[in-house]
Amino acid sequence: MNDNDNDLPEIPVETLAETENYVVWSAEEPDGETTYHVELGPVTVHFFGEEWEDFIDQIFEAGRNPEMEDSEDEPSIEVELDWGSLYFSPEEWQEFFSLIEQAG
């Protein structure tokens, strides 16, 4: 451990919404910007403020018209983003959409 590690400011975080499997939280960065973080199991997606607003809009739009894809096992819901796609089973989607409604 470096002695300078003790000099780092503590970043305030706030849990915005939580379900059994997912969490959304925000952090007030040292430069004053708020960042948003979505924990999806082992993956955490990070957003700056403007990106977060766009993401929320996309999820609400997808919630109105979820795009279903049939797989061999069961249908899934796909949300396409600039950096990749999120896939949810209908049950996972309901939980995720509920999380975003709470956080948004």
Protein backbone atom coordinates (compact mmCIF):
# COMPACT_ATOMS: atom_id res chain seq x y z
CA MET A 1 0.00 0.00 0.00
CA ASN A 2 1.22 3.44 -0.91
CA ASP A 3 1.27 6.17 1.75
CA ASN A 4 -0.53 8.45 -0.71
CA ASP A 5 -3.54 6.07 -0.74
CA ASN A 6 -4.61 7.52 2.61
CA ASP A 7 -4.74 10.99 1.02
CA LEU A 8 -7.45 10.05 -1.50
CA PRO A 9 -10.78 11.72 -0.78
CA GLU A 10 -13.70 9.46 0.05
CA ILE A 11 -16.24 9.56 -2.77
CA PRO A 12 -19.82 9.80 -1.49
CA VAL A 13 -22.10 7.15 -2.99
CA GLU A 14 -25.86 6.71 -2.83
CA THR A 15 -27.90 3.61 -3.63
CA LEU A 16 -30.71 4.77 -5.91
CA ALA A 17 -32.51 1.45 -6.39
CA GLU A 18 -32.01 -2.19 -5.57
CA THR A 19 -33.69 -5.47 -6.44
CA GLU A 20 -32.76 -9.02 -5.54
CA ASN A 21 -30.20 -9.24 -8.38
CA TYR A 22 -29.44 -5.66 -9.51
CA VAL A 23 -28.32 -2.35 -7.98
CA VAL A 24 -28.15 1.24 -9.25
CA TRP A 25 -25.97 3.69 -7.36
CA SER A 26 -24.51 7.12 -7.93
CA ALA A 27 -21.23 8.70 -6.88
CA GLU A 28 -20.27 12.33 -6.45
CA GLU A 29 -16.87 12.48 -8.12
CA PRO A 30 -14.10 14.79 -6.81
CA ASP A 31 -14.61 17.09 -9.83
CA GLY A 32 -18.27 17.56 -8.84
CA GLU A 33 -19.74 15.37 -11.57
CA THR A 34 -22.25 12.70 -10.62
CA THR A 35 -21.69 9.27 -12.14
CA TYR A 36 -24.21 6.43 -12.24
CA HIS A 37 -23.49 2.73 -11.93
CA VAL A 38 -25.69 -0.28 -12.72
CA GLU A 39 -24.61 -3.59 -11.22
CA LEU A 40 -25.91 -6.51 -13.28
CA GLY A 41 -24.56 -9.54 -11.44
CA PRO A 42 -20.81 -9.70 -12.11
CA VAL A 43 -20.90 -6.74 -14.54
CA THR A 44 -21.08 -3.05 -13.59
CA VAL A 45 -21.93 -0.46 -16.22
CA HIS A 46 -20.75 3.12 -15.59
CA PHE A 47 -22.39 6.29 -16.93
CA PHE A 48 -21.73 10.01 -16.84
CA GLY A 49 -24.80 12.20 -16.28
CA GLU A 50 -25.76 12.75 -19.93
CA GLU A 51 -25.16 9.09 -20.78
CA TRP A 52 -27.35 8.10 -17.83
CA GLU A 53 -30.24 10.23 -19.07
CA ASP A 54 -29.94 8.68 -22.54
CA PHE A 55 -29.81 5.19 -21.01
CA ILE A 56 -32.94 5.81 -18.92
CA ASP A 57 -34.76 7.05 -22.02
CA GLN A 58 -33.71 3.95 -23.98
CA ILE A 59 -34.86 1.61 -21.22
CA PHE A 60 -38.24 3.32 -20.90
CA GLU A 61 -38.65 3.15 -24.68
CA ALA A 62 -37.72 -0.55 -24.65
CA GLY A 63 -40.19 -1.07 -21.81
CA ARG A 64 -42.98 0.25 -23.96
CA ASN A 65 -41.96 -1.93 -26.92
CA PRO A 66 -39.67 -4.72 -25.74
CA GLU A 67 -38.00 -6.48 -28.67
CA MET A 68 -38.36 -10.20 -28.12
CA GLU A 69 -35.96 -12.68 -29.65
CA ASP A 70 -36.70 -16.37 -29.59
CA SER A 71 -33.83 -18.55 -28.49
CA GLU A 72 -33.76 -22.30 -28.27
CA ASP A 73 -34.70 -22.20 -24.57
CA GLU A 74 -36.97 -19.18 -24.16
CA PRO A 75 -37.56 -15.72 -25.54
CA SER A 76 -35.22 -12.92 -24.49
CA ILE A 77 -35.41 -9.14 -24.55
CA GLU A 78 -32.57 -7.24 -26.18
CA VAL A 79 -31.54 -3.66 -25.51
CA GLU A 80 -28.94 -2.45 -28.00
CA LEU A 81 -26.52 0.22 -26.80
CA ASP A 82 -23.55 1.90 -28.49
CA TRP A 83 -21.09 -0.28 -26.60
CA GLY A 84 -22.96 -3.58 -26.68
CA SER A 85 -26.27 -5.29 -26.05
CA LEU A 86 -28.07 -6.39 -22.91
CA TYR A 87 -30.15 -9.56 -23.04
CA PHE A 88 -32.81 -10.44 -20.48
CA SER A 89 -35.27 -13.26 -20.06
CA PRO A 90 -38.82 -11.93 -19.59
CA GLU A 91 -38.50 -12.45 -15.81
CA GLU A 92 -35.10 -10.72 -15.69
CA TRP A 93 -36.48 -7.87 -17.78
CA GLN A 94 -39.34 -7.28 -15.34
CA GLU A 95 -36.86 -7.06 -12.45
CA PHE A 96 -34.47 -4.83 -14.40
CA PHE A 97 -37.23 -2.51 -15.64
CA SER A 98 -38.54 -2.20 -12.08
CA LEU A 99 -35.02 -1.24 -10.94
CA ILE A 100 -34.75 1.46 -13.60
CA GLU A 101 -38.22 2.81 -12.77
CA GLN A 102 -37.13 3.15 -9.13
CA ALA A 103 -33.85 4.84 -10.08
CA GLY A 104 -35.13 7.01 -12.91
